[in-house]
Amino acid sequence: MAAAARVIGVIGDLDLNNPTHRFTNAALEHAAVEYAWVPTDRIRHGAAAALPRFAGLLIAPGSPYRDMEGAIAAVRYARERGVPLVGT
């Protein structure tokens, strides 16, 4: 498996003023997990293009999502393709 395939996609709209988002980043960094935030509005109509590079997905806690349909599209993408998913 290529190094990029071990990246975790964090589904949500990063707001560093939100303590939960800061703690999510800190926890993933502490665990030495490579991750990238994926905005929900980028996923709504393009999950198949936005998500294949991730080995797993984490639905970010503490969000009102800018695009709830985008968050749901990420969950659907993971379920239909057997991608590991953690939701909060």
N, C-alpha and C. Protein backbone atom coordinates (compact mmCIF):
# COMPACT_ATOMS: atom_id res chain seq x y z
N MET A 1 0.86 -1.18 0.00
CA MET A 1 0.00 0.00 0.00
C MET A 1 0.90 1.24 0.00
N ALA A 2 0.63 2.17 -0.89
CA ALA A 2 1.41 3.39 -0.98
C ALA A 2 1.19 4.26 0.25
N ALA A 3 2.18 5.10 0.55
CA ALA A 3 2.09 5.96 1.73
C ALA A 3 0.84 6.82 1.72
N ALA A 4 0.48 7.35 0.56
CA ALA A 4 -0.70 8.23 0.48
C ALA A 4 -1.98 7.47 0.82
N ALA A 5 -2.00 6.17 0.61
CA ALA A 5 -3.19 5.39 0.88
C ALA A 5 -3.46 5.25 2.37
N ARG A 6 -2.51 5.64 3.23
CA ARG A 6 -2.71 5.54 4.67
C ARG A 6 -3.23 6.83 5.28
N VAL A 7 -3.57 7.77 4.45
CA VAL A 7 -4.08 9.05 4.93
C VAL A 7 -5.55 8.88 5.32
N ILE A 8 -5.93 9.49 6.44
CA ILE A 8 -7.31 9.48 6.90
C ILE A 8 -7.97 10.79 6.45
N GLY A 9 -9.13 10.69 5.86
CA GLY A 9 -9.90 11.87 5.48
C GLY A 9 -10.81 12.27 6.63
N VAL A 10 -10.66 13.49 7.09
CA VAL A 10 -11.52 14.02 8.15
C VAL A 10 -12.61 14.83 7.45
N ILE A 11 -13.83 14.32 7.52
CA ILE A 11 -14.95 14.94 6.81
C ILE A 11 -15.56 16.01 7.69
N GLY A 12 -15.46 17.25 7.26
CA GLY A 12 -16.01 18.36 8.02
C GLY A 12 -15.43 19.66 7.54
N ASP A 13 -15.90 20.71 8.14
CA ASP A 13 -15.51 22.05 7.72
C ASP A 13 -14.65 22.66 8.81
N LEU A 14 -13.34 22.50 8.65
CA LEU A 14 -12.37 22.88 9.67
C LEU A 14 -12.55 24.32 10.11
N ASP A 15 -12.68 24.48 11.42
CA ASP A 15 -12.79 25.79 12.05
C ASP A 15 -11.91 25.74 13.29
N LEU A 16 -10.75 26.35 13.23
CA LEU A 16 -9.80 26.29 14.35
C LEU A 16 -10.30 27.05 15.57
N ASN A 17 -11.39 27.80 15.44
CA ASN A 17 -12.01 28.41 16.61
C ASN A 17 -12.89 27.41 17.36
N ASN A 18 -13.18 26.28 16.73
CA ASN A 18 -13.97 25.22 17.35
C ASN A 18 -13.02 24.32 18.13
N PRO A 19 -13.14 24.27 19.46
CA PRO A 19 -12.20 23.46 20.25
C PRO A 19 -12.21 21.98 19.85
N THR A 20 -13.35 21.46 19.45
CA THR A 20 -13.42 20.05 19.05
C THR A 20 -12.55 19.79 17.83
N HIS A 21 -12.50 20.72 16.92
CA HIS A 21 -11.66 20.54 15.73
C HIS A 21 -10.19 20.61 16.11
N ARG A 22 -9.83 21.53 16.99
CA ARG A 22 -8.43 21.60 17.45
C ARG A 22 -8.03 20.30 18.16
N PHE A 23 -8.94 19.77 18.99
CA PHE A 23 -8.64 18.53 19.72
C PHE A 23 -8.56 17.34 18.77
N THR A 24 -9.36 17.35 17.73
CA THR A 24 -9.30 16.28 16.72
C THR A 24 -7.92 16.29 16.06
N ASN A 25 -7.48 17.47 15.66
CA ASN A 25 -6.14 17.58 15.06
C ASN A 25 -5.07 17.10 16.04
N ALA A 26 -5.15 17.55 17.29
CA ALA A 26 -4.16 17.17 18.29
C ALA A 26 -4.14 15.66 18.52
N ALA A 27 -5.31 15.05 18.58
CA ALA A 27 -5.38 13.60 18.81
C ALA A 27 -4.77 12.83 17.64
N LEU A 28 -5.08 13.23 16.43
CA LEU A 28 -4.54 12.54 15.26
C LEU A 28 -3.03 12.74 15.16
N GLU A 29 -2.56 13.93 15.49
CA GLU A 29 -1.12 14.18 15.48
C GLU A 29 -0.43 13.38 16.58
N HIS A 30 -1.04 13.31 17.75
CA HIS A 30 -0.47 12.54 18.86
C HIS A 30 -0.35 11.06 18.48
N ALA A 31 -1.34 10.57 17.73
CA ALA A 31 -1.33 9.17 17.29
C ALA A 31 -0.46 8.96 16.06
N ALA A 32 0.17 10.02 15.60
CA ALA A 32 1.04 9.98 14.42
C ALA A 32 0.28 9.49 13.18
N VAL A 33 -0.95 9.95 13.05
CA VAL A 33 -1.79 9.60 11.91
C VAL A 33 -1.72 10.73 10.89
N GLU A 34 -1.49 10.36 9.65
CA GLU A 34 -1.52 11.35 8.58
C GLU A 34 -2.98 11.57 8.21
N TYR A 35 -3.39 12.83 8.09
CA TYR A 35 -4.79 13.13 7.84
C TYR A 35 -4.92 14.39 7.01
N ALA A 36 -6.10 14.55 6.45
CA ALA A 36 -6.43 15.77 5.70
C ALA A 36 -7.91 16.04 5.88
N TRP A 37 -8.25 17.28 6.15
CA TRP A 37 -9.65 17.69 6.26
C TRP A 37 -10.23 17.81 4.85
N VAL A 38 -11.47 17.36 4.70
CA VAL A 38 -12.16 17.45 3.42
C VAL A 38 -13.47 18.21 3.66
N PRO A 39 -13.60 19.41 3.11
CA PRO A 39 -14.83 20.19 3.30
C PRO A 39 -16.06 19.50 2.73
N THR A 40 -17.14 19.59 3.46
CA THR A 40 -18.37 18.89 3.04
C THR A 40 -18.91 19.40 1.72
N ASP A 41 -18.73 20.68 1.43
CA ASP A 41 -19.26 21.20 0.17
C ASP A 41 -18.46 20.71 -1.03
N ARG A 42 -17.29 20.17 -0.80
CA ARG A 42 -16.47 19.59 -1.87
C ARG A 42 -16.91 18.16 -2.19
N ILE A 43 -17.64 17.53 -1.28
CA ILE A 43 -17.97 16.13 -1.42
C ILE A 43 -19.35 15.90 -2.02
N ARG A 44 -20.27 16.80 -1.80
CA ARG A 44 -21.68 16.59 -2.14
C ARG A 44 -21.88 15.97 -3.52
N HIS A 45 -21.28 16.53 -4.53
CA HIS A 45 -21.47 16.02 -5.89
C HIS A 45 -20.22 15.36 -6.45
N GLY A 46 -19.22 15.15 -5.57
CA GLY A 46 -17.98 14.59 -6.10
C GLY A 46 -17.26 13.68 -5.13
N ALA A 47 -18.00 12.87 -4.36
CA ALA A 47 -17.36 11.97 -3.39
C ALA A 47 -16.39 11.02 -4.08
N ALA A 48 -16.79 10.51 -5.22
CA ALA A 48 -15.94 9.55 -5.93
C ALA A 48 -14.64 10.18 -6.40
N ALA A 49 -14.63 11.48 -6.60
CA ALA A 49 -13.40 12.17 -6.99
C ALA A 49 -12.60 12.65 -5.79
N ALA A 50 -13.28 13.01 -4.70
CA ALA A 50 -12.61 13.62 -3.55
C ALA A 50 -12.07 12.62 -2.54
N LEU A 51 -12.61 11.39 -2.49
CA LEU A 51 -12.31 10.51 -1.37
C LEU A 51 -11.47 9.27 -1.66
N PRO A 52 -11.20 8.87 -2.89
CA PRO A 52 -10.50 7.60 -3.09
C PRO A 52 -9.08 7.55 -2.54
N ARG A 53 -8.45 8.66 -2.30
CA ARG A 53 -7.06 8.64 -1.81
C ARG A 53 -6.96 8.30 -0.34
N PHE A 54 -8.10 8.24 0.36
CA PHE A 54 -8.07 8.00 1.80
C PHE A 54 -8.26 6.54 2.15
N ALA A 55 -7.50 6.07 3.13
CA ALA A 55 -7.60 4.70 3.61
C ALA A 55 -8.79 4.53 4.54
N GLY A 56 -9.27 5.61 5.12
CA GLY A 56 -10.41 5.59 6.02
C GLY A 56 -10.94 6.99 6.18
N LEU A 57 -12.14 7.09 6.72
CA LEU A 57 -12.77 8.40 6.89
C LEU A 57 -13.21 8.57 8.34
N LEU A 58 -13.06 9.78 8.83
CA LEU A 58 -13.53 10.18 10.15
C LEU A 58 -14.51 11.32 9.95
N ILE A 59 -15.74 11.12 10.40
CA ILE A 59 -16.72 12.20 10.33
C ILE A 59 -16.42 13.11 11.52
N ALA A 60 -16.03 14.33 11.24
CA ALA A 60 -15.55 15.24 12.28
C ALA A 60 -16.61 15.52 13.33
N PRO A 61 -16.21 15.46 14.58
CA PRO A 61 -17.13 15.86 15.65
C PRO A 61 -17.22 17.37 15.75
N GLY A 62 -18.24 17.84 16.40
CA GLY A 62 -18.35 19.26 16.70
C GLY A 62 -18.64 20.14 15.51
N SER A 63 -19.29 19.61 14.51
CA SER A 63 -19.55 20.41 13.33
C SER A 63 -21.02 20.73 13.19
N PRO A 64 -21.33 21.97 12.91
CA PRO A 64 -22.46 22.11 12.01
C PRO A 64 -21.78 22.09 10.64
N TYR A 65 -22.23 21.23 9.76
CA TYR A 65 -21.60 21.11 8.45
C TYR A 65 -22.16 22.16 7.51
N ARG A 66 -21.29 22.71 6.68
CA ARG A 66 -21.77 23.67 5.67
C ARG A 66 -22.71 22.97 4.71
N ASP A 67 -22.45 21.68 4.48
CA ASP A 67 -23.26 20.93 3.53
C ASP A 67 -23.54 19.54 4.10
N MET A 68 -24.65 19.38 4.77
CA MET A 68 -25.00 18.10 5.39
C MET A 68 -25.08 16.99 4.35
N GLU A 69 -25.56 17.30 3.15
CA GLU A 69 -25.63 16.30 2.08
C GLU A 69 -24.22 15.82 1.71
N GLY A 70 -23.24 16.71 1.81
CA GLY A 70 -21.86 16.31 1.54
C GLY A 70 -21.36 15.32 2.58
N ALA A 71 -21.68 15.57 3.85
CA ALA A 71 -21.29 14.65 4.91
C ALA A 71 -21.95 13.29 4.70
N ILE A 72 -23.22 13.30 4.35
CA ILE A 72 -23.94 12.04 4.10
C ILE A 72 -23.36 11.32 2.88
N ALA A 73 -22.96 12.07 1.87
CA ALA A 73 -22.34 11.47 0.69
C ALA A 73 -21.05 10.75 1.06
N ALA A 74 -20.29 11.30 2.00
CA ALA A 74 -19.06 10.65 2.44
C ALA A 74 -19.36 9.34 3.15
N VAL A 75 -20.39 9.34 4.00
CA VAL A 75 -20.79 8.10 4.68
C VAL A 75 -21.24 7.07 3.66
N ARG A 76 -22.05 7.48 2.71
CA ARG A 76 -22.54 6.57 1.66
C ARG A 76 -21.36 6.00 0.87
N TYR A 77 -20.42 6.87 0.51
CA TYR A 77 -19.23 6.44 -0.23
C TYR A 77 -18.50 5.34 0.53
N ALA A 78 -18.28 5.56 1.83
CA ALA A 78 -17.54 4.59 2.64
C ALA A 78 -18.31 3.27 2.75
N ARG A 79 -19.59 3.34 3.00
CA ARG A 79 -20.40 2.12 3.16
C ARG A 79 -20.46 1.31 1.88
N GLU A 80 -20.61 1.97 0.76
CA GLU A 80 -20.75 1.27 -0.51
C GLU A 80 -19.43 0.66 -1.00
N ARG A 81 -18.30 1.18 -0.50
CA ARG A 81 -17.00 0.71 -0.98
C ARG A 81 -16.20 -0.02 0.09
N GLY A 82 -16.78 -0.20 1.27
CA GLY A 82 -16.07 -0.91 2.33
C GLY A 82 -14.90 -0.14 2.91
N VAL A 83 -14.95 1.19 2.83
CA VAL A 83 -13.90 2.04 3.39
C VAL A 83 -14.15 2.17 4.90
N PRO A 84 -13.14 1.95 5.73
CA PRO A 84 -13.34 2.12 7.17
C PRO A 84 -13.84 3.53 7.48
N LEU A 85 -14.83 3.60 8.38
CA LEU A 85 -15.48 4.86 8.71
C LEU A 85 -15.72 4.94 10.21
N VAL A 86 -15.37 6.09 10.78
CA VAL A 86 -15.71 6.37 12.17
C VAL A 86 -16.56 7.61 12.16
N GLY A 87 -17.74 7.51 12.76
CA GLY A 87 -18.63 8.65 12.85
C GLY A 87 -18.86 9.01 14.30
N THR A 88 -19.20 10.26 14.52
CA THR A 88 -19.42 10.70 15.89
C THR A 88 -20.85 11.18 16.06
